């Protein structure tokens, strides 16, 4: 397993890191067990966020007394200086630490900069001066906003969705970060659950010596898959390249990653599942997708208000209402037996 240095931060860690969003879905005992096993297995970089309910608290419990042995990154979705300081103090308390290695603006819609009138970047500078954070990072979902942040030279790390399904523009972002000596943290390395081959996902990442993937983990079985790659890292060979090319061909174009930033829907539609139902049926076959309960959820699409709210909130700038309608049409064909999955 190769080592990755996150740009100018100087943080060097194995190219196999832990994304702690999913541990909010399990209880404290299980979360602590998973997090400690990840450390024992060689993972040293752990990423969480104030927005991930009790994820920070679980990390704090798991790593209490071990602060100097690992790197912790967390995030704030604050839009005002007052909320920034509140979030930072809460994160420090939850994580049981007096500093955060990388503090990130979370899912930004703009590149915060000194003198822009928001006061947000100034908060980062002050927090760094106080020793509460060591490095300033940013996470984004909109590609041009991400490029703005790279070009600004103000951030030490960029966190952005990146997987073997990423398009040319995303690869250009990775290259731009390398040229700017800016660390790149890859979220959604499994494309929101659409990638099921962990070996291929890991091998793809090894091409990039500046990319640190954070794998979202909530089960011990999932963790053991990633830990197995510590000693036997899959090579990006001809066989896996061929497999990935087939995957790209199947998933070419726009698709919902299931991130849920479009929620809640005024019409009660479960957008983060319904807008990608066609892919779920074909890539993750399960009778549950065709259950009466899920049929009821899919039929809610017919009650769409066409308000466009989901479209404005989609970080990938998808035409969500259109995706919903297409998925409903396909779903009905599957139920009618016209299409086999």
C-alpha atoms as a PDB file:
ATOM      1  CA  UNK A   1       0.000   0.000   0.000  1.00  0.00           C
ATOM      2  CA  UNK A   2       1.556   3.277  -1.100  1.00  0.00           C
ATOM      3  CA  UNK A   3       1.793   6.356   1.100  1.00  0.00           C
ATOM      4  CA  UNK A   4       0.032   9.592   0.124  1.00  0.00           C
ATOM      5  CA  UNK A   5       1.112  13.081   1.137  1.00  0.00           C
ATOM      6  CA  UNK A   6      -1.750  15.590   1.120  1.00  0.00           C
ATOM      7  CA  UNK A   7      -0.104  18.472  -0.689  1.00  0.00           C
ATOM      8  CA  UNK A   8       1.357  21.272   1.396  1.00  0.00           C
ATOM      9  CA  UNK A   9      -0.128  19.897   4.641  1.00  0.00           C
ATOM     10  CA  UNK A  10       2.731  17.424   4.935  1.00  0.00           C
ATOM     11  CA  UNK A  11       0.214  14.851   6.202  1.00  0.00           C
ATOM     12  CA  UNK A  12       1.412  11.472   4.965  1.00  0.00           C
ATOM     13  CA  UNK A  13      -0.738   8.385   5.353  1.00  0.00           C
ATOM     14  CA  UNK A  14      -1.562   5.114   3.624  1.00  0.00           C
ATOM     15  CA  UNK A  15      -3.803   5.457   0.550  1.00  0.00           C
ATOM     16  CA  UNK A  16      -6.686   3.761   2.316  1.00  0.00           C
ATOM     17  CA  UNK A  17      -8.635   6.005   4.674  1.00  0.00           C
ATOM     18  CA  UNK A  18     -11.876   5.892   6.657  1.00  0.00           C
ATOM     19  CA  UNK A  19     -15.009   7.877   5.842  1.00  0.00           C
ATOM     20  CA  UNK A  20     -17.079   8.050   9.020  1.00  0.00           C
ATOM     21  CA  UNK A  21     -20.429   9.224   7.651  1.00  0.00           C
ATOM     22  CA  UNK A  22     -21.955   5.689   7.790  1.00  0.00           C
ATOM     23  CA  UNK A  23     -21.027   5.017  11.434  1.00  0.00           C
ATOM     24  CA  UNK A  24     -23.830   7.362  12.444  1.00  0.00           C
ATOM     25  CA  UNK A  25     -26.167   4.516  11.392  1.00  0.00           C
ATOM     26  CA  UNK A  26     -24.866   2.006  13.942  1.00  0.00           C
ATOM     27  CA  UNK A  27     -24.822   2.132  17.725  1.00  0.00           C
ATOM     28  CA  UNK A  28     -21.897   3.370  19.793  1.00  0.00           C
ATOM     29  CA  UNK A  29     -20.528  -0.074  20.636  1.00  0.00           C
ATOM     30  CA  UNK A  30     -20.414  -1.253  17.023  1.00  0.00           C
ATOM     31  CA  UNK A  31     -19.037   2.073  15.770  1.00  0.00           C
ATOM     32  CA  UNK A  32     -16.205   2.050  18.314  1.00  0.00           C
ATOM     33  CA  UNK A  33     -15.361  -1.550  17.465  1.00  0.00           C
ATOM     34  CA  UNK A  34     -15.190  -0.743  13.738  1.00  0.00           C
ATOM     35  CA  UNK A  35     -13.146   2.430  14.201  1.00  0.00           C
ATOM     36  CA  UNK A  36     -10.614   0.752  16.478  1.00  0.00           C
ATOM     37  CA  UNK A  37     -10.303  -2.212  14.135  1.00  0.00           C
ATOM     38  CA  UNK A  38      -9.645   0.237  11.277  1.00  0.00           C
ATOM     39  CA  UNK A  39      -6.759   1.721  13.266  1.00  0.00           C
ATOM     40  CA  UNK A  40      -5.409  -1.698  14.225  1.00  0.00           C
ATOM     41  CA  UNK A  41      -5.569  -2.698  10.556  1.00  0.00           C
ATOM     42  CA  UNK A  42      -3.405   0.237   9.496  1.00  0.00           C
ATOM     43  CA  UNK A  43      -5.769   3.084   8.683  1.00  0.00           C
ATOM     44  CA  UNK A  44      -4.545   6.405  10.034  1.00  0.00           C
ATOM     45  CA  UNK A  45      -6.759   9.059   8.423  1.00  0.00           C
ATOM     46  CA  UNK A  46     -10.370   9.449   9.578  1.00  0.00           C
ATOM     47  CA  UNK A  47     -12.850  11.908   8.054  1.00  0.00           C
ATOM     48  CA  UNK A  48     -16.132  13.002   9.630  1.00  0.00           C
ATOM     49  CA  UNK A  49     -18.356  16.111   9.802  1.00  0.00           C
ATOM     50  CA  UNK A  50     -20.476  18.115  12.187  1.00  0.00           C
ATOM     51  CA  UNK A  51     -23.420  17.282   9.894  1.00  0.00           C
ATOM     52  CA  UNK A  52     -23.039  13.511  10.421  1.00  0.00           C
ATOM     53  CA  UNK A  53     -25.160  13.447  13.603  1.00  0.00           C
ATOM     54  CA  UNK A  54     -23.155  11.538  16.260  1.00  0.00           C
ATOM     55  CA  UNK A  55     -20.270  10.382  14.056  1.00  0.00           C
ATOM     56  CA  UNK A  56     -17.846  12.768  15.786  1.00  0.00           C
ATOM     57  CA  UNK A  57     -18.870  11.531  19.213  1.00  0.00           C
ATOM     58  CA  UNK A  58     -18.235   7.932  18.171  1.00  0.00           C
ATOM     59  CA  UNK A  59     -14.793   8.847  16.885  1.00  0.00           C
ATOM     60  CA  UNK A  60     -14.095  10.673  20.119  1.00  0.00           C
ATOM     61  CA  UNK A  61     -14.996   7.597  22.126  1.00  0.00           C
ATOM     62  CA  UNK A  62     -12.998   5.250  19.885  1.00  0.00           C
ATOM     63  CA  UNK A  63      -9.798   7.284  19.867  1.00  0.00           C
ATOM     64  CA  UNK A  64      -9.786   8.896  23.300  1.00  0.00           C
ATOM     65  CA  UNK A  65      -6.161   9.101  24.455  1.00  0.00           C
ATOM     66  CA  UNK A  66      -4.807   8.254  20.986  1.00  0.00           C
ATOM     67  CA  UNK A  67      -4.797  11.724  19.429  1.00  0.00           C
ATOM     68  CA  UNK A  68      -1.149  11.760  18.400  1.00  0.00           C
ATOM     69  CA  UNK A  69      -1.472   8.422  16.591  1.00  0.00           C
ATOM     70  CA  UNK A  70      -3.866   9.437  13.806  1.00  0.00           C
ATOM     71  CA  UNK A  71      -5.156  12.251  11.598  1.00  0.00           C
ATOM     72  CA  UNK A  72      -8.674  13.637  12.019  1.00  0.00           C
ATOM     73  CA  UNK A  73     -10.551  15.741   9.478  1.00  0.00           C
ATOM     74  CA  UNK A  74     -13.984  17.194  10.067  1.00  0.00           C
ATOM     75  CA  UNK A  75     -16.234  19.797   8.466  1.00  0.00           C
ATOM     76  CA  UNK A  76     -18.634  22.670   9.064  1.00  0.00           C
ATOM     77  CA  UNK A  77     -21.639  23.651   6.966  1.00  0.00           C
ATOM     78  CA  UNK A  78     -21.760  27.021   8.725  1.00  0.00           C
ATOM     79  CA  UNK A  79     -22.726  30.053   6.670  1.00  0.00           C
ATOM     80  CA  UNK A  80     -21.997  32.648   9.364  1.00  0.00           C
ATOM     81  CA  UNK A  81     -18.997  33.260  11.644  1.00  0.00           C
ATOM     82  CA  UNK A  82     -21.188  32.686  14.700  1.00  0.00           C
ATOM     83  CA  UNK A  83     -22.176  29.221  13.489  1.00  0.00           C
ATOM     84  CA  UNK A  84     -18.579  28.498  12.453  1.00  0.00           C
ATOM     85  CA  UNK A  85     -17.279  28.954  16.000  1.00  0.00           C
ATOM     86  CA  UNK A  86     -20.193  27.038  17.483  1.00  0.00           C
ATOM     87  CA  UNK A  87     -19.554  24.104  15.130  1.00  0.00           C
ATOM     88  CA  UNK A  88     -15.818  24.131  15.761  1.00  0.00           C
ATOM     89  CA  UNK A  89     -16.214  24.128  19.541  1.00  0.00           C
ATOM     90  CA  UNK A  90     -18.771  21.302  19.306  1.00  0.00           C
ATOM     91  CA  UNK A  91     -16.479  19.254  17.057  1.00  0.00           C
ATOM     92  CA  UNK A  92     -13.510  19.677  19.390  1.00  0.00           C
ATOM     93  CA  UNK A  93     -15.632  18.603  22.348  1.00  0.00           C
ATOM     94  CA  UNK A  94     -17.138  15.608  20.524  1.00  0.00           C
ATOM     95  CA  UNK A  95     -13.784  14.447  19.184  1.00  0.00           C
ATOM     96  CA  UNK A  96     -12.159  14.915  22.618  1.00  0.00           C
ATOM     97  CA  UNK A  97      -9.277  16.880  21.193  1.00  0.00           C
ATOM     98  CA  UNK A  98      -7.862  20.394  21.286  1.00  0.00           C
ATOM     99  CA  UNK A  99      -7.058  20.516  17.573  1.00  0.00           C
ATOM    100  CA  UNK A 100      -8.289  19.224  14.219  1.00  0.00           C
ATOM    101  CA  UNK A 101      -5.778  18.259  11.534  1.00  0.00           C
ATOM    102  CA  UNK A 102      -7.911  19.425   8.596  1.00  0.00           C
ATOM    103  CA  UNK A 103     -10.984  21.609   9.075  1.00  0.00           C
ATOM    104  CA  UNK A 104     -13.107  21.832   5.959  1.00  0.00           C
ATOM    105  CA  UNK A 105     -15.881  24.058   4.680  1.00  0.00           C
ATOM    106  CA  UNK A 106     -18.527  21.463   3.866  1.00  0.00           C
ATOM    107  CA  UNK A 107     -20.274  21.253   0.455  1.00  0.00           C
ATOM    108  CA  UNK A 108     -19.671  24.864  -0.497  1.00  0.00           C
ATOM    109  CA  UNK A 109     -21.534  26.788  -3.182  1.00  0.00           C
ATOM    110  CA  UNK A 110     -18.816  29.425  -3.398  1.00  0.00           C
ATOM    111  CA  UNK A 111     -15.114  29.829  -2.803  1.00  0.00           C
ATOM    112  CA  UNK A 112     -14.838  31.615   0.532  1.00  0.00           C
ATOM    113  CA  UNK A 113     -12.011  34.159   0.430  1.00  0.00           C
ATOM    114  CA  UNK A 114     -10.687  36.974   2.608  1.00  0.00           C
ATOM    115  CA  UNK A 115     -12.624  40.183   2.144  1.00  0.00           C
ATOM    116  CA  UNK A 116     -15.615  38.583   0.413  1.00  0.00           C
ATOM    117  CA  UNK A 117     -17.968  39.998   3.046  1.00  0.00           C
ATOM    118  CA  UNK A 118     -18.892  36.681   4.650  1.00  0.00           C
ATOM    119  CA  UNK A 119     -16.093  36.614   7.208  1.00  0.00           C
ATOM    120  CA  UNK A 120     -15.882  32.844   6.791  1.00  0.00           C
ATOM    121  CA  UNK A 121     -12.316  32.494   5.572  1.00  0.00           C
ATOM    122  CA  UNK A 122     -11.188  34.911   8.254  1.00  0.00           C
ATOM    123  CA  UNK A 123     -12.654  32.465  10.795  1.00  0.00           C
ATOM    124  CA  UNK A 124     -10.451  29.696   9.402  1.00  0.00           C
ATOM    125  CA  UNK A 125      -7.373  31.904   9.690  1.00  0.00           C
ATOM    126  CA  UNK A 126      -8.196  32.835  13.278  1.00  0.00           C
ATOM    127  CA  UNK A 127      -8.895  29.212  14.234  1.00  0.00           C
ATOM    128  CA  UNK A 128      -5.536  28.244  12.755  1.00  0.00           C
ATOM    129  CA  UNK A 129      -3.791  31.077  14.619  1.00  0.00           C
ATOM    130  CA  UNK A 130      -5.368  29.822  17.853  1.00  0.00           C
ATOM    131  CA  UNK A 131      -4.069  26.307  17.182  1.00  0.00           C
ATOM    132  CA  UNK A 132      -7.557  24.806  17.033  1.00  0.00           C
ATOM    133  CA  UNK A 133      -7.039  23.670  13.451  1.00  0.00           C
ATOM    134  CA  UNK A 134      -3.830  22.855  11.601  1.00  0.00           C
ATOM    135  CA  UNK A 135      -4.896  22.972   7.953  1.00  0.00           C
ATOM    136  CA  UNK A 136      -7.692  24.616   5.962  1.00  0.00           C
ATOM    137  CA  UNK A 137      -9.678  22.443   3.573  1.00  0.00           C
ATOM    138  CA  UNK A 138     -12.848  22.536   1.521  1.00  0.00           C
ATOM    139  CA  UNK A 139     -15.336  20.011   0.165  1.00  0.00           C
ATOM    140  CA  UNK A 140     -17.447  20.552  -2.921  1.00  0.00           C
ATOM    141  CA  UNK A 141     -19.842  18.753  -5.248  1.00  0.00           C
ATOM    142  CA  UNK A 142     -20.037  21.359  -7.998  1.00  0.00           C
ATOM    143  CA  UNK A 143     -17.046  21.002 -10.268  1.00  0.00           C
ATOM    144  CA  UNK A 144     -16.575  24.656 -11.217  1.00  0.00           C
ATOM    145  CA  UNK A 145     -16.798  25.759  -7.586  1.00  0.00           C
ATOM    146  CA  UNK A 146     -14.121  23.179  -6.840  1.00  0.00           C
ATOM    147  CA  UNK A 147     -11.899  24.618  -9.576  1.00  0.00           C
ATOM    148  CA  UNK A 148     -12.441  28.121  -8.162  1.00  0.00           C
ATOM    149  CA  UNK A 149     -11.178  26.896  -4.800  1.00  0.00           C
ATOM    150  CA  UNK A 150      -8.093  25.322  -6.367  1.00  0.00           C
ATOM    151  CA  UNK A 151      -7.298  28.449  -8.392  1.00  0.00           C
ATOM    152  CA  UNK A 152      -7.670  30.645  -5.298  1.00  0.00           C
ATOM    153  CA  UNK A 153      -4.633  29.102  -3.635  1.00  0.00           C
ATOM    154  CA  UNK A 154      -6.389  29.525  -0.297  1.00  0.00           C
ATOM    155  CA  UNK A 155      -7.001  25.877   0.558  1.00  0.00           C
ATOM    156  CA  UNK A 156      -4.632  23.083   1.479  1.00  0.00           C
ATOM    157  CA  UNK A 157      -6.984  20.220   0.625  1.00  0.00           C
ATOM    158  CA  UNK A 158      -9.905  19.579  -1.711  1.00  0.00           C
ATOM    159  CA  UNK A 159     -12.476  16.866  -1.032  1.00  0.00           C
ATOM    160  CA  UNK A 160     -14.547  15.941  -4.074  1.00  0.00           C
ATOM    161  CA  UNK A 161     -16.420  12.871  -5.425  1.00  0.00           C
ATOM    162  CA  UNK A 162     -13.992  10.705  -7.381  1.00  0.00           C
ATOM    163  CA  UNK A 163     -14.227   7.129  -8.611  1.00  0.00           C
ATOM    164  CA  UNK A 164     -13.602   5.115 -11.724  1.00  0.00           C
ATOM    165  CA  UNK A 165     -16.906   6.465 -13.042  1.00  0.00           C
ATOM    166  CA  UNK A 166     -15.622  10.035 -12.888  1.00  0.00           C
ATOM    167  CA  UNK A 167     -15.525  12.016 -16.116  1.00  0.00           C
ATOM    168  CA  UNK A 168     -12.646  13.869 -17.749  1.00  0.00           C
ATOM    169  CA  UNK A 169     -13.374  17.093 -15.864  1.00  0.00           C
ATOM    170  CA  UNK A 170     -13.036  15.362 -12.479  1.00  0.00           C
ATOM    171  CA  UNK A 171      -9.707  13.869 -13.524  1.00  0.00           C
ATOM    172  CA  UNK A 172      -8.602  17.362 -14.564  1.00  0.00           C
ATOM    173  CA  UNK A 173      -9.491  18.534 -11.045  1.00  0.00           C
ATOM    174  CA  UNK A 174      -7.232  15.882  -9.524  1.00  0.00           C
ATOM    175  CA  UNK A 175      -4.429  16.980 -11.827  1.00  0.00           C
ATOM    176  CA  UNK A 176      -5.014  20.654 -11.002  1.00  0.00           C
ATOM    177  CA  UNK A 177      -4.741  19.878  -7.292  1.00  0.00           C
ATOM    178  CA  UNK A 178      -1.465  18.064  -7.836  1.00  0.00           C
ATOM    179  CA  UNK A 179      -0.077  20.982  -9.838  1.00  0.00           C
ATOM    180  CA  UNK A 180      -1.117  23.372  -7.046  1.00  0.00           C
ATOM    181  CA  UNK A 181       0.376  21.131  -4.334  1.00  0.00           C
ATOM    182  CA  UNK A 182      -3.113  20.798  -2.882  1.00  0.00           C
ATOM    183  CA  UNK A 183      -4.143  17.542  -1.221  1.00  0.00           C
ATOM    184  CA  UNK A 184      -7.014  15.655  -2.851  1.00  0.00           C
ATOM    185  CA  UNK A 185      -9.388  13.630  -0.662  1.00  0.00           C
ATOM    186  CA  UNK A 186     -11.672  11.392  -2.715  1.00  0.00           C
ATOM    187  CA  UNK A 187     -15.182  10.914  -1.386  1.00  0.00           C
ATOM    188  CA  UNK A 188     -17.795   8.626  -2.970  1.00  0.00           C
ATOM    189  CA  UNK A 189     -15.168   6.233  -4.267  1.00  0.00           C
ATOM    190  CA  UNK A 190     -17.990   3.730  -4.789  1.00  0.00           C
ATOM    191  CA  UNK A 191     -20.148   6.305  -6.616  1.00  0.00           C
ATOM    192  CA  UNK A 192     -22.872   6.345  -3.998  1.00  0.00           C
ATOM    193  CA  UNK A 193     -23.202   2.558  -3.948  1.00  0.00           C
ATOM    194  CA  UNK A 194     -23.264   1.969  -7.705  1.00  0.00           C
ATOM    195  CA  UNK A 195     -19.785   0.435  -7.690  1.00  0.00           C
ATOM    196  CA  UNK A 196     -19.696  -3.047  -6.182  1.00  0.00           C
ATOM    197  CA  UNK A 197     -16.168  -4.164  -7.004  1.00  0.00           C
ATOM    198  CA  UNK A 198     -13.917  -2.916  -4.198  1.00  0.00           C
ATOM    199  CA  UNK A 199     -10.846  -4.394  -5.875  1.00  0.00           C
ATOM    200  CA  UNK A 200     -11.436  -2.357  -9.032  1.00  0.00           C
ATOM    201  CA  UNK A 201     -12.237   0.764  -6.998  1.00  0.00           C
ATOM    202  CA  UNK A 202      -9.011   0.461  -5.018  1.00  0.00           C
ATOM    203  CA  UNK A 203      -6.867  -0.347  -8.061  1.00  0.00           C
ATOM    204  CA  UNK A 204      -8.185   2.712  -9.885  1.00  0.00           C
ATOM    205  CA  UNK A 205      -7.108   4.989  -7.025  1.00  0.00           C
ATOM    206  CA  UNK A 206      -3.550   3.649  -7.024  1.00  0.00           C
ATOM    207  CA  UNK A 207      -2.892   5.421 -10.342  1.00  0.00           C
ATOM    208  CA  UNK A 208      -2.946   8.744  -8.508  1.00  0.00           C
ATOM    209  CA  UNK A 209      -0.163   9.434  -6.034  1.00  0.00           C
ATOM    210  CA  UNK A 210      -1.927  12.544  -4.723  1.00  0.00           C
ATOM    211  CA  UNK A 211      -5.382  11.041  -4.067  1.00  0.00           C
ATOM    212  CA  UNK A 212      -6.507   9.796  -0.660  1.00  0.00           C
ATOM    213  CA  UNK A 213      -9.778   7.836  -0.881  1.00  0.00           C
ATOM    214  CA  UNK A 214     -12.003   7.784   2.206  1.00  0.00           C
ATOM    215  CA  UNK A 215     -14.199   4.704   2.100  1.00  0.00           C
ATOM    216  CA  UNK A 216     -17.601   4.981   3.781  1.00  0.00           C
ATOM    217  CA  UNK A 217     -17.792   2.071   6.222  1.00  0.00           C
ATOM    218  CA  UNK A 218     -20.532   0.912   8.578  1.00  0.00           C
ATOM    219  CA  UNK A 219     -20.008  -2.860   8.741  1.00  0.00           C
ATOM    220  CA  UNK A 220     -17.031  -4.879   9.901  1.00  0.00           C
ATOM    221  CA  UNK A 221     -17.260  -7.025   6.775  1.00  0.00           C
ATOM    222  CA  UNK A 222     -16.878  -3.911   4.611  1.00  0.00           C
ATOM    223  CA  UNK A 223     -13.902  -2.760   6.650  1.00  0.00           C
ATOM    224  CA  UNK A 224     -12.110  -6.089   6.318  1.00  0.00           C
ATOM    225  CA  UNK A 225     -12.321  -5.802   2.522  1.00  0.00           C
ATOM    226  CA  UNK A 226     -10.410  -2.529   2.603  1.00  0.00           C
ATOM    227  CA  UNK A 227      -7.949  -3.701   5.230  1.00  0.00           C
ATOM    228  CA  UNK A 228      -7.095  -6.722   3.068  1.00  0.00           C
ATOM    229  CA  UNK A 229      -5.703  -4.295   0.491  1.00  0.00           C
ATOM    230  CA  UNK A 230      -3.095  -3.015   2.948  1.00  0.00           C
ATOM    231  CA  UNK A 231      -0.858  -6.017   2.285  1.00  0.00           C
ATOM    232  CA  UNK A 232      -2.210  -7.098  -1.098  1.00  0.00           C
ATOM    233  CA  UNK A 233      -3.030  -3.902  -2.965  1.00  0.00           C
ATOM    234  CA  UNK A 234      -4.715  -4.702  -6.298  1.00  0.00           C
ATOM    235  CA  UNK A 235      -2.763  -3.622  -9.366  1.00  0.00           C
ATOM    236  CA  UNK A 236      -4.431  -1.539 -12.048  1.00  0.00           C
ATOM    237  CA  UNK A 237      -3.817  -4.196 -14.681  1.00  0.00           C
ATOM    238  CA  UNK A 238      -5.330  -5.008 -18.065  1.00  0.00           C
ATOM    239  CA  UNK A 239      -8.110  -7.163 -16.659  1.00  0.00           C
ATOM    240  CA  UNK A 240      -9.341  -4.500 -14.264  1.00  0.00           C
ATOM    241  CA  UNK A 241      -8.976  -1.762 -16.877  1.00  0.00           C
ATOM    242  CA  UNK A 242     -11.224  -3.759 -19.211  1.00  0.00           C
ATOM    243  CA  UNK A 243     -13.756  -4.276 -16.423  1.00  0.00           C
ATOM    244  CA  UNK A 244     -13.806  -0.568 -15.590  1.00  0.00           C
ATOM    245  CA  UNK A 245     -14.280   0.418 -19.221  1.00  0.00           C
ATOM    246  CA  UNK A 246     -17.364  -1.813 -19.391  1.00  0.00           C
ATOM    247  CA  UNK A 247     -18.680  -0.203 -16.226  1.00  0.00           C
ATOM    248  CA  UNK A 248     -18.139   3.277 -17.634  1.00  0.00           C
ATOM    249  CA  UNK A 249     -19.979   2.376 -20.819  1.00  0.00           C
ATOM    250  CA  UNK A 250     -22.959   1.108 -18.833  1.00  0.00           C
ATOM    251  CA  UNK A 251     -23.129   4.185 -16.614  1.00  0.00           C
ATOM    252  CA  UNK A 252     -22.284   6.864 -19.171  1.00  0.00           C
ATOM    253  CA  UNK A 253     -24.213  10.095 -18.695  1.00  0.00           C
ATOM    254  CA  UNK A 254     -25.924  11.664 -15.710  1.00  0.00           C
ATOM    255  CA  UNK A 255     -26.982   9.536 -12.778  1.00  0.00           C
ATOM    256  CA  UNK A 256     -28.078  10.133  -9.205  1.00  0.00           C
ATOM    257  CA  UNK A 257     -25.413   9.352  -6.589  1.00  0.00           C
ATOM    258  CA  UNK A 258     -27.991   9.101  -3.798  1.00  0.00           C
ATOM    259  CA  UNK A 259     -26.323  11.781  -1.651  1.00  0.00           C
ATOM    260  CA  UNK A 260     -29.681  13.099  -0.391  1.00  0.00           C
ATOM    261  CA  UNK A 261     -28.840  16.819  -0.509  1.00  0.00           C
ATOM    262  CA  UNK A 262     -32.077  17.310  -2.503  1.00  0.00           C
ATOM    263  CA  UNK A 263     -34.164  16.104   0.428  1.00  0.00           C
ATOM    264  CA  UNK A 264     -36.695  16.607   1.847  1.00  0.00           C
ATOM    265  CA  UNK A 265     -39.133  16.724  -1.058  1.00  0.00           C
ATOM    266  CA  UNK A 266     -42.307  18.844  -0.611  1.00  0.00           C
ATOM    267  CA  UNK A 267     -44.277  16.022  -2.237  1.00  0.00           C
ATOM    268  CA  UNK A 268     -42.736  13.393   0.031  1.00  0.00           C
ATOM    269  CA  UNK A 269     -40.814  11.648  -2.752  1.00  0.00           C
ATOM    270  CA  UNK A 270     -37.826   9.553  -1.638  1.00  0.00           C
ATOM    271  CA  UNK A 271     -35.681  11.219  -4.280  1.00  0.00           C
ATOM    272  CA  UNK A 272     -32.317   9.745  -3.283  1.00  0.00           C
ATOM    273  CA  UNK A 273     -33.611   6.230  -4.034  1.00  0.00           C
ATOM    274  CA  UNK A 274     -36.302   6.825  -6.622  1.00  0.00           C
ATOM    275  CA  UNK A 275     -34.123   8.915  -8.946  1.00  0.00           C
ATOM    276  CA  UNK A 276     -31.715   6.015  -9.390  1.00  0.00           C
ATOM    277  CA  UNK A 277     -34.097   3.067  -9.163  1.00  0.00           C
ATOM    278  CA  UNK A 278     -33.289   1.799 -12.663  1.00  0.00           C
ATOM    279  CA  UNK A 279     -29.620   1.460 -11.730  1.00  0.00           C
ATOM    280  CA  UNK A 280     -30.413  -0.107  -8.376  1.00  0.00           C
ATOM    281  CA  UNK A 281     -32.602  -2.736 -10.022  1.00  0.00           C
ATOM    282  CA  UNK A 282     -29.853  -3.693 -12.425  1.00  0.00           C
ATOM    283  CA  UNK A 283     -26.725  -3.272 -10.302  1.00  0.00           C
ATOM    284  CA  UNK A 284     -28.006  -4.267  -6.872  1.00  0.00           C
ATOM    285  CA  UNK A 285     -30.847  -6.714  -7.603  1.00  0.00           C
ATOM    286  CA  UNK A 286     -33.138  -7.137  -4.638  1.00  0.00           C
ATOM    287  CA  UNK A 287     -36.767  -8.125  -4.213  1.00  0.00           C
ATOM    288  CA  UNK A 288     -37.031  -5.199  -1.805  1.00  0.00           C
ATOM    289  CA  UNK A 289     -36.851  -2.751  -4.725  1.00  0.00           C
ATOM    290  CA  UNK A 290     -40.113  -4.255  -6.029  1.00  0.00           C
ATOM    291  CA  UNK A 291     -41.905  -4.555  -2.688  1.00  0.00           C
ATOM    292  CA  UNK A 292     -45.299  -2.977  -2.098  1.00  0.00           C
ATOM    293  CA  UNK A 293     -43.639  -0.401   0.114  1.00  0.00           C
ATOM    294  CA  UNK A 294     -41.197   0.645  -2.597  1.00  0.00           C
ATOM    295  CA  UNK A 295     -43.952   0.626  -5.236  1.00  0.00           C
ATOM    296  CA  UNK A 296     -45.811   3.114  -3.057  1.00  0.00           C
ATOM    297  CA  UNK A 297     -42.692   5.281  -2.853  1.00  0.00           C
ATOM    298  CA  UNK A 298     -42.148   5.169  -6.611  1.00  0.00           C
ATOM    299  CA  UNK A 299     -45.782   6.055  -7.310  1.00  0.00           C
ATOM    300  CA  UNK A 300     -45.325   9.266  -5.326  1.00  0.00           C
ATOM    301  CA  UNK A 301     -43.383  10.543  -8.326  1.00  0.00           C
ATOM    302  CA  UNK A 302     -46.752  11.033 -10.040  1.00  0.00           C
ATOM    303  CA  UNK A 303     -47.512  13.640  -7.362  1.00  0.00           C
ATOM    304  CA  UNK A 304     -44.423  15.690  -8.240  1.00  0.00           C
ATOM    305  CA  UNK A 305     -45.202  19.406  -7.854  1.00  0.00           C
ATOM    306  CA  UNK A 306     -42.678  20.373 -10.535  1.00  0.00           C
ATOM    307  CA  UNK A 307     -41.432  22.999  -8.099  1.00  0.00           C
ATOM    308  CA  UNK A 308     -37.840  22.406  -9.173  1.00  0.00           C
ATOM    309  CA  UNK A 309     -36.533  22.637  -5.610  1.00  0.00           C
ATOM    310  CA  UNK A 310     -34.650  19.344  -5.892  1.00  0.00           C
ATOM    311  CA  UNK A 311     -32.999  20.524  -9.088  1.00  0.00           C
ATOM    312  CA  UNK A 312     -31.696  23.700  -7.441  1.00  0.00           C
ATOM    313  CA  UNK A 313     -30.323  21.734  -4.479  1.00  0.00           C
ATOM    314  CA  UNK A 314     -28.605  18.966  -6.467  1.00  0.00           C
ATOM    315  CA  UNK A 315     -24.835  19.391  -6.040  1.00  0.00           C
ATOM    316  CA  UNK A 316     -24.283  17.554  -9.330  1.00  0.00           C
ATOM    317  CA  UNK A 317     -26.699  19.923 -11.129  1.00  0.00           C
ATOM    318  CA  UNK A 318     -28.858  17.073 -12.426  1.00  0.00           C
ATOM    319  CA  UNK A 319     -32.317  17.506 -13.911  1.00  0.00           C
ATOM    320  CA  UNK A 320     -33.819  15.573 -11.004  1.00  0.00           C
ATOM    321  CA  UNK A 321     -37.515  15.840 -11.984  1.00  0.00           C
ATOM    322  CA  UNK A 322     -36.691  14.385 -15.401  1.00  0.00           C
ATOM    323  CA  UNK A 323     -34.649  11.598 -13.821  1.00  0.00           C
ATOM    324  CA  UNK A 324     -37.545  10.755 -11.522  1.00  0.00           C
ATOM    325  CA  UNK A 325     -39.999  10.506 -14.414  1.00  0.00           C
ATOM    326  CA  UNK A 326     -37.661   8.308 -16.451  1.00  0.00           C
ATOM    327  CA  UNK A 327     -37.077   6.002 -13.507  1.00  0.00           C
ATOM    328  CA  UNK A 328     -40.814   5.676 -12.866  1.00  0.00           C
ATOM    329  CA  UNK A 329     -41.454   4.750 -16.501  1.00  0.00           C
ATOM    330  CA  UNK A 330     -38.733   2.116 -16.379  1.00  0.00           C
ATOM    331  CA  UNK A 331     -39.970   0.827 -13.028  1.00  0.00           C
ATOM    332  CA  UNK A 332     -43.467   0.299 -14.397  1.00  0.00           C
ATOM    333  CA  UNK A 333     -42.054  -1.675 -17.329  1.00  0.00           C
ATOM    334  CA  UNK A 334     -40.168  -3.916 -14.921  1.00  0.00           C
ATOM    335  CA  UNK A 335     -43.296  -4.516 -12.830  1.00  0.00           C
ATOM    336  CA  UNK A 336     -45.268  -5.325 -15.967  1.00  0.00           C
ATOM    337  CA  UNK A 337     -42.667  -7.870 -17.012  1.00  0.00           C
ATOM    338  CA  UNK A 338     -41.760  -5.946 -20.135  1.00  0.00           C
ATOM    339  CA  UNK A 339     -38.162  -5.608 -18.930  1.00  0.00           C
ATOM    340  CA  UNK A 340     -36.144  -8.296 -17.141  1.00  0.00           C
ATOM    341  CA  UNK A 341     -33.611  -7.334 -14.487  1.00  0.00           C
END
